[in-house]
Amino acid sequence: MANIKSNLKRNKQNRARHTVVHSQTSAVKTQIKKTQASKSQKDLSLAYKKIDSALAKGIIKQNKADRLKSRLALNVAR
């Protein structure tokens, strides 16, 4: 555990940031699983929205977002 005041603050900030990032990532994964199970266009658009939101917030990178969207579209089309 950190003893220096600035290190304590950084640890606190990192924990808070981790919570936000983890919840966003979890929401994306949950929506992807829902879409794969139902294979409906409505769920696909919701998944796209979640992925785009995570991309805009810097939680996932552009290439990963494109890859997820592509795979979802293929899954729904089948």
Protein backbone atom coordinates (compact mmCIF):
# COMPACT_ATOMS: atom_id res chain seq x y z
CA MET A 1 0.00 0.00 0.00
CA ALA A 2 1.21 3.48 -0.82
CA ASN A 3 2.34 5.82 1.93
CA ILE A 4 2.81 8.96 -0.13
CA LYS A 5 -0.21 11.23 -0.41
CA SER A 6 -0.03 11.53 -4.20
CA ASN A 7 0.20 7.74 -4.55
CA LEU A 8 -2.87 7.29 -2.39
CA LYS A 9 -4.72 9.74 -4.62
CA ARG A 10 -3.58 7.97 -7.80
CA ASN A 11 -4.72 4.62 -6.40
CA LYS A 12 -8.11 6.08 -5.61
CA GLN A 13 -8.39 7.57 -9.11
CA ASN A 14 -7.33 4.30 -10.71
CA ARG A 15 -9.94 2.34 -8.75
CA ALA A 16 -12.66 4.78 -9.81
CA ARG A 17 -11.52 4.67 -13.45
CA HIS A 18 -11.39 0.87 -13.38
CA THR A 19 -14.99 0.73 -12.15
CA VAL A 20 -16.22 2.90 -15.01
CA VAL A 21 -14.25 1.07 -17.68
CA HIS A 22 -15.25 -2.34 -16.34
CA SER A 23 -18.95 -1.46 -16.31
CA GLN A 24 -18.79 -0.14 -19.90
CA THR A 25 -16.92 -3.23 -21.10
CA SER A 26 -19.39 -5.48 -19.32
CA ALA A 27 -22.34 -3.66 -20.90
CA VAL A 28 -20.85 -4.14 -24.38
CA LYS A 29 -20.24 -7.85 -23.78
CA THR A 30 -23.74 -8.36 -22.37
CA GLN A 31 -25.36 -6.68 -25.37
CA ILE A 32 -23.23 -8.73 -27.77
CA LYS A 33 -24.34 -11.96 -26.08
CA LYS A 34 -27.99 -10.85 -26.22
CA THR A 35 -27.67 -10.07 -29.92
CA GLN A 36 -26.03 -13.41 -30.68
CA ALA A 37 -28.81 -15.23 -28.85
CA SER A 38 -31.77 -13.39 -30.39
CA LYS A 39 -30.30 -12.57 -33.84
CA SER A 40 -32.69 -9.63 -34.25
CA GLN A 41 -32.03 -6.34 -36.02
CA LYS A 42 -33.24 -4.38 -33.00
CA ASP A 43 -30.64 -6.00 -30.74
CA LEU A 44 -28.01 -5.52 -33.44
CA SER A 45 -28.61 -1.77 -33.52
CA LEU A 46 -28.43 -1.62 -29.71
CA ALA A 47 -25.15 -3.53 -29.79
CA TYR A 48 -23.79 -1.11 -32.41
CA LYS A 49 -24.80 1.76 -30.15
CA LYS A 50 -22.99 0.26 -27.14
CA ILE A 51 -19.88 -0.46 -29.20
CA ASP A 52 -19.82 3.06 -30.65
CA SER A 53 -20.27 4.53 -27.19
CA ALA A 54 -17.36 2.52 -25.80
CA LEU A 55 -15.26 3.55 -28.80
CA ALA A 56 -16.05 7.24 -28.28
CA LYS A 57 -15.05 6.98 -24.62
CA GLY A 58 -11.76 5.30 -25.53
CA ILE A 59 -12.62 2.03 -23.85
CA ILE A 60 -12.10 -0.04 -26.99
CA LYS A 61 -10.05 0.73 -30.09
CA GLN A 62 -11.34 1.38 -33.60
CA ASN A 63 -10.16 -1.93 -35.02
CA LYS A 64 -11.79 -3.93 -32.23
CA ALA A 65 -15.05 -2.02 -32.66
CA ASP A 66 -15.04 -2.73 -36.40
CA ARG A 67 -14.24 -6.40 -35.79
CA LEU A 68 -17.05 -6.79 -33.24
CA LYS A 69 -19.58 -5.11 -35.53
CA SER A 70 -18.55 -7.25 -38.48
CA ARG A 71 -18.82 -10.49 -36.55
CA LEU A 72 -22.19 -9.50 -35.10
CA ALA A 73 -23.56 -8.61 -38.52
CA LEU A 74 -22.44 -11.99 -39.86
CA ASN A 75 -24.01 -13.76 -36.89
CA VAL A 76 -27.36 -11.99 -37.34
CA ALA A 77 -27.36 -12.56 -41.11
CA ARG A 78 -27.01 -16.34 -40.72
